[in-house]
């Protein structure tokens, strides 16, 4: 009977160990998915910011050129 109890305890421990390992694998998959999503969002945000920067530079250059042309016309 004692040997049978030990065997059941070992099976129970092995089962719990497998459950823990599966839980850890699932958690790691979820973390990886979140990291990938954040990476994608960061890339998209960086792309949008770069486009805004380029648009502002272009607008500023156009404004300065227009002011310079205006000053040349006045003089």
N, C-alpha and C. Protein backbone atom coordinates (compact mmCIF):
# COMPACT_ATOMS: atom_id res chain seq x y z
N UNK A 1 0.81 -1.20 0.00
CA UNK A 1 0.00 0.00 0.00
C UNK A 1 0.86 1.26 0.00
N UNK A 2 1.93 1.24 0.76
CA UNK A 2 2.83 2.39 0.83
C UNK A 2 3.50 2.64 -0.51
N UNK A 3 3.88 1.56 -1.17
CA UNK A 3 4.50 1.68 -2.48
C UNK A 3 3.50 2.25 -3.50
N UNK A 4 2.27 1.82 -3.41
CA UNK A 4 1.22 2.32 -4.29
C UNK A 4 1.01 3.82 -4.06
N UNK A 5 1.01 4.22 -2.81
CA UNK A 5 0.84 5.65 -2.46
C UNK A 5 1.99 6.47 -3.03
N UNK A 6 3.22 5.95 -2.92
CA UNK A 6 4.38 6.64 -3.47
C UNK A 6 4.26 6.80 -4.99
N UNK A 7 3.80 5.74 -5.64
CA UNK A 7 3.64 5.77 -7.09
C UNK A 7 2.60 6.84 -7.47
N UNK A 8 1.50 6.89 -6.76
CA UNK A 8 0.48 7.91 -7.03
C UNK A 8 1.03 9.32 -6.80
N UNK A 9 1.81 9.49 -5.75
CA UNK A 9 2.42 10.79 -5.47
C UNK A 9 3.37 11.20 -6.59
N UNK A 10 4.15 10.25 -7.08
CA UNK A 10 5.09 10.53 -8.18
C UNK A 10 4.32 10.93 -9.44
N UNK A 11 3.23 10.21 -9.71
CA UNK A 11 2.43 10.53 -10.89
C UNK A 11 1.80 11.92 -10.74
N UNK A 12 1.33 12.22 -9.55
CA UNK A 12 0.74 13.52 -9.28
C UNK A 12 1.78 14.62 -9.48
N UNK A 13 2.98 14.43 -8.95
CA UNK A 13 4.05 15.42 -9.10
C UNK A 13 4.44 15.60 -10.56
N UNK A 14 4.51 14.51 -11.30
CA UNK A 14 4.86 14.58 -12.71
C UNK A 14 3.78 15.34 -13.49
N UNK A 15 2.54 15.06 -13.18
CA UNK A 15 1.42 15.75 -13.82
C UNK A 15 1.47 17.25 -13.53
N UNK A 16 1.71 17.61 -12.27
CA UNK A 16 1.80 19.02 -11.89
C UNK A 16 2.97 19.70 -12.58
N UNK A 17 4.06 18.98 -12.70
CA UNK A 17 5.25 19.53 -13.38
C UNK A 17 4.94 19.82 -14.84
N UNK A 18 4.26 18.89 -15.50
CA UNK A 18 3.89 19.10 -16.91
C UNK A 18 2.92 20.27 -17.06
N UNK A 19 1.97 20.38 -16.14
CA UNK A 19 1.05 21.52 -16.17
C UNK A 19 1.79 22.85 -16.00
N UNK A 20 2.72 22.88 -15.07
CA UNK A 20 3.51 24.10 -14.84
C UNK A 20 4.30 24.46 -16.09
N UNK A 21 4.94 23.47 -16.69
CA UNK A 21 5.74 23.73 -17.89
C UNK A 21 4.87 24.23 -19.04
N UNK A 22 3.69 23.65 -19.20
CA UNK A 22 2.78 24.10 -20.25
C UNK A 22 2.31 25.52 -19.97
N UNK A 23 2.02 25.83 -18.72
CA UNK A 23 1.61 27.17 -18.34
C UNK A 23 2.72 28.17 -18.66
N UNK A 24 3.95 27.80 -18.36
CA UNK A 24 5.09 28.68 -18.65
C UNK A 24 5.24 28.88 -20.15
N UNK A 25 5.11 27.80 -20.92
CA UNK A 25 5.21 27.93 -22.39
C UNK A 25 4.11 28.84 -22.93
N UNK A 26 2.89 28.67 -22.43
CA UNK A 26 1.77 29.51 -22.88
C UNK A 26 2.01 30.97 -22.51
N UNK A 27 2.47 31.21 -21.29
CA UNK A 27 2.77 32.58 -20.86
C UNK A 27 3.85 33.19 -21.75
N UNK A 28 4.88 32.41 -22.06
CA UNK A 28 5.96 32.91 -22.91
C UNK A 28 5.45 33.23 -24.32
N UNK A 29 4.53 32.41 -24.83
CA UNK A 29 3.94 32.69 -26.15
C UNK A 29 3.16 34.00 -26.12
N UNK A 30 2.40 34.21 -25.05
CA UNK A 30 1.64 35.45 -24.92
C UNK A 30 2.57 36.66 -24.81
N UNK A 31 3.62 36.52 -24.03
CA UNK A 31 4.60 37.62 -23.90
C UNK A 31 5.23 37.92 -25.24
N UNK A 32 5.60 36.89 -25.97
CA UNK A 32 6.21 37.08 -27.28
C UNK A 32 5.24 37.78 -28.24
N UNK A 33 3.96 37.39 -28.19
CA UNK A 33 2.96 38.03 -29.05
C UNK A 33 2.83 39.51 -28.70
N UNK A 34 2.85 39.83 -27.41
CA UNK A 34 2.75 41.23 -26.98
C UNK A 34 3.98 42.01 -27.44
N UNK A 35 5.14 41.41 -27.29
CA UNK A 35 6.39 42.08 -27.72
C UNK A 35 6.35 42.34 -29.22
N UNK A 36 5.90 41.35 -29.99
CA UNK A 36 5.82 41.53 -31.44
C UNK A 36 4.83 42.63 -31.80
N UNK A 37 3.69 42.66 -31.11
CA UNK A 37 2.70 43.70 -31.38
C UNK A 37 3.26 45.07 -31.06
N UNK A 38 3.94 45.18 -29.91
CA UNK A 38 4.54 46.47 -29.55
C UNK A 38 5.61 46.87 -30.56
N UNK A 39 6.37 45.90 -31.02
CA UNK A 39 7.39 46.20 -32.03
C UNK A 39 6.76 46.73 -33.30
N UNK A 40 5.66 46.11 -33.73
CA UNK A 40 4.97 46.57 -34.93
C UNK A 40 4.42 47.98 -34.72
N UNK A 41 3.81 48.20 -33.55
CA UNK A 41 3.25 49.53 -33.27
C UNK A 41 4.35 50.57 -33.19
N UNK A 42 5.49 50.22 -32.61
CA UNK A 42 6.61 51.14 -32.51
C UNK A 42 7.12 51.49 -33.91
N UNK A 43 7.20 50.49 -34.75
CA UNK A 43 7.66 50.73 -36.13
C UNK A 43 6.69 51.67 -36.85
N UNK A 44 5.38 51.40 -36.69
CA UNK A 44 4.37 52.25 -37.34
C UNK A 44 4.45 53.68 -36.81
N UNK A 45 4.59 53.81 -35.50
CA UNK A 45 4.68 55.14 -34.89
C UNK A 45 5.93 55.87 -35.39
N UNK A 46 7.04 55.16 -35.44
CA UNK A 46 8.28 55.77 -35.91
C UNK A 46 8.13 56.22 -37.37
N UNK A 47 7.47 55.41 -38.17
CA UNK A 47 7.25 55.76 -39.57
C UNK A 47 6.38 57.01 -39.68
N UNK A 48 5.31 57.07 -38.88
CA UNK A 48 4.44 58.25 -38.90
C UNK A 48 5.19 59.50 -38.45
N UNK A 49 5.98 59.37 -37.40
CA UNK A 49 6.75 60.53 -36.92
C UNK A 49 7.74 61.01 -37.97
N UNK A 50 8.37 60.08 -38.65
CA UNK A 50 9.33 60.45 -39.70
C UNK A 50 8.61 61.17 -40.84
N UNK A 51 7.42 60.70 -41.20
CA UNK A 51 6.65 61.36 -42.26
C UNK A 51 6.25 62.77 -41.83
N UNK A 52 5.83 62.92 -40.57
CA UNK A 52 5.48 64.24 -40.05
C UNK A 52 6.69 65.17 -40.09
N UNK A 53 7.85 64.65 -39.68
CA UNK A 53 9.08 65.44 -39.68
C UNK A 53 9.40 65.90 -41.10
N UNK A 54 9.36 64.96 -42.04
CA UNK A 54 9.69 65.30 -43.42
C UNK A 54 8.71 66.33 -43.99
N UNK A 55 7.42 66.19 -43.64
CA UNK A 55 6.42 67.14 -44.10
C UNK A 55 6.68 68.53 -43.52
N UNK A 56 7.02 68.60 -42.23
CA UNK A 56 7.32 69.89 -41.59
C UNK A 56 8.55 70.53 -42.21
N UNK A 57 9.58 69.75 -42.47
CA UNK A 57 10.79 70.28 -43.11
C UNK A 57 10.45 70.83 -44.48
N UNK A 58 9.67 70.09 -45.23
CA UNK A 58 9.28 70.52 -46.58
C UNK A 58 8.47 71.82 -46.50
N UNK A 59 7.50 71.87 -45.57
CA UNK A 59 6.69 73.07 -45.41
C UNK A 59 7.54 74.27 -45.00
N UNK A 60 8.46 74.05 -44.08
CA UNK A 60 9.33 75.13 -43.62
C UNK A 60 10.23 75.63 -44.76
N UNK A 61 10.78 74.69 -45.52
CA UNK A 61 11.61 75.09 -46.66
C UNK A 61 10.80 75.92 -47.66
N UNK A 62 9.56 75.48 -47.92
CA UNK A 62 8.71 76.21 -48.86
C UNK A 62 8.40 77.61 -48.32
N UNK A 63 8.14 77.71 -47.03
CA UNK A 63 7.84 79.01 -46.42
C UNK A 63 9.06 79.93 -46.50
N UNK A 64 10.22 79.43 -46.17
CA UNK A 64 11.44 80.25 -46.24
C UNK A 64 11.72 80.69 -47.67
N UNK A 65 11.52 79.79 -48.62
CA UNK A 65 11.76 80.13 -50.03
C UNK A 65 10.79 81.23 -50.46
N UNK A 66 9.52 81.09 -50.04
CA UNK A 66 8.52 82.11 -50.41
C UNK A 66 8.89 83.46 -49.79
N UNK A 67 9.34 83.47 -48.54
CA UNK A 67 9.75 84.73 -47.89
C UNK A 67 10.96 85.33 -48.60
N UNK A 68 11.91 84.47 -48.99
CA UNK A 68 13.10 84.96 -49.68
C UNK A 68 12.71 85.55 -51.04
N UNK A 69 11.84 84.86 -51.77
CA UNK A 69 11.36 85.37 -53.07
C UNK A 69 10.63 86.70 -52.89
N UNK A 70 9.85 86.80 -51.82
CA UNK A 70 9.12 88.05 -51.54
C UNK A 70 10.09 89.18 -51.27
N UNK A 71 11.14 88.91 -50.48
CA UNK A 71 12.13 89.94 -50.17
C UNK A 71 12.89 90.35 -51.43
N UNK A 72 13.18 89.39 -52.29
CA UNK A 72 13.87 89.71 -53.55
C UNK A 72 12.98 90.61 -54.43
N UNK A 73 11.70 90.33 -54.43
CA UNK A 73 10.77 91.12 -55.25
C UNK A 73 10.64 92.53 -54.73
N UNK A 74 10.69 92.70 -53.41
CA UNK A 74 10.58 94.02 -52.80
C UNK A 74 11.82 94.84 -53.10
N UNK A 75 12.96 94.23 -53.06
CA UNK A 75 14.23 94.94 -53.26
C UNK A 75 14.50 95.00 -54.74
